[in-house]
Amino acid sequence: MTYKQGDRIVLVHTSDPHTDLNAGDQGTVRRYNTNLAKLSVDWDSGSTLSMLLGDGDEVRPA
């Protein structure tokens, strides 16, 4: 899937053991790097954790 700036997403799963994000948290896409499958997100909780879609992180459209 392709994401663009401003898209709203929901976290399904992250492999990051150090984050406070939980499945169901929502955020807004800042940028999507297709070469790295890296999704930069401004989470509603204030986190700016990026999602590495090729490394186990999973999101869906809100």
Protein backbone atom coordinates (compact mmCIF):
# COMPACT_ATOMS: atom_id res chain seq x y z
CA MET A 1 0.00 0.00 0.00
CA THR A 2 1.12 3.56 -0.65
CA TYR A 3 0.73 6.26 1.97
CA LYS A 4 0.79 10.01 1.51
CA GLN A 5 1.23 12.93 3.87
CA GLY A 6 -1.92 13.57 5.88
CA ASP A 7 -3.31 10.02 5.66
CA ARG A 8 -4.77 8.78 8.94
CA ILE A 9 -3.64 5.34 10.10
CA VAL A 10 -4.23 2.90 12.95
CA LEU A 11 -1.50 0.80 14.53
CA VAL A 12 -2.08 -2.94 14.17
CA HIS A 13 1.30 -4.16 15.47
CA THR A 14 4.80 -2.90 16.16
CA SER A 15 7.88 -4.97 16.88
CA ASP A 16 9.43 -2.15 18.96
CA PRO A 17 9.55 -3.37 22.57
CA HIS A 18 10.34 0.11 23.95
CA THR A 19 7.32 2.05 22.70
CA ASP A 20 4.23 3.04 24.66
CA LEU A 21 2.11 2.73 21.50
CA ASN A 22 -0.60 0.08 21.52
CA ALA A 23 -2.67 -1.61 18.84
CA GLY A 24 -5.52 0.74 17.94
CA ASP A 25 -3.54 3.97 18.44
CA GLN A 26 -4.04 6.45 15.61
CA GLY A 27 -1.75 8.87 13.86
CA THR A 28 -1.16 11.02 10.80
CA VAL A 29 1.39 10.16 8.12
CA ARG A 30 4.20 12.68 7.83
CA ARG A 31 6.14 10.89 5.08
CA TYR A 32 6.46 7.50 3.41
CA ASN A 33 9.80 6.31 2.05
CA THR A 34 8.94 3.55 -0.42
CA ASN A 35 12.59 2.45 -0.81
CA LEU A 36 12.92 1.70 2.90
CA ALA A 37 9.23 0.92 3.56
CA LYS A 38 9.54 3.48 6.37
CA LEU A 39 6.41 5.31 7.44
CA SER A 40 7.02 8.48 9.47
CA VAL A 41 4.01 9.14 11.72
CA ASP A 42 2.82 11.83 14.11
CA TRP A 43 0.88 9.70 16.60
CA ASP A 44 -2.06 11.28 18.42
CA SER A 45 -0.35 10.32 21.70
CA GLY A 46 2.56 12.64 20.87
CA SER A 47 4.96 9.90 19.79
CA THR A 48 6.83 10.26 16.50
CA LEU A 49 7.86 6.61 16.20
CA SER A 50 8.32 5.58 12.58
CA MET A 51 6.93 2.28 11.34
CA LEU A 52 9.23 -0.10 9.47
CA LEU A 53 6.69 -1.92 7.35
CA GLY A 54 9.25 -4.38 5.96
CA ASP A 55 10.43 -5.36 9.45
CA GLY A 56 7.20 -6.46 11.10
CA ASP A 57 5.40 -3.21 11.89
CA GLU A 58 1.82 -3.13 10.62
CA VAL A 59 -0.73 -0.33 10.19
CA ARG A 60 -4.05 0.07 8.42
CA PRO A 61 -6.02 3.07 7.16
CA ALA A 62 -8.16 4.73 9.83
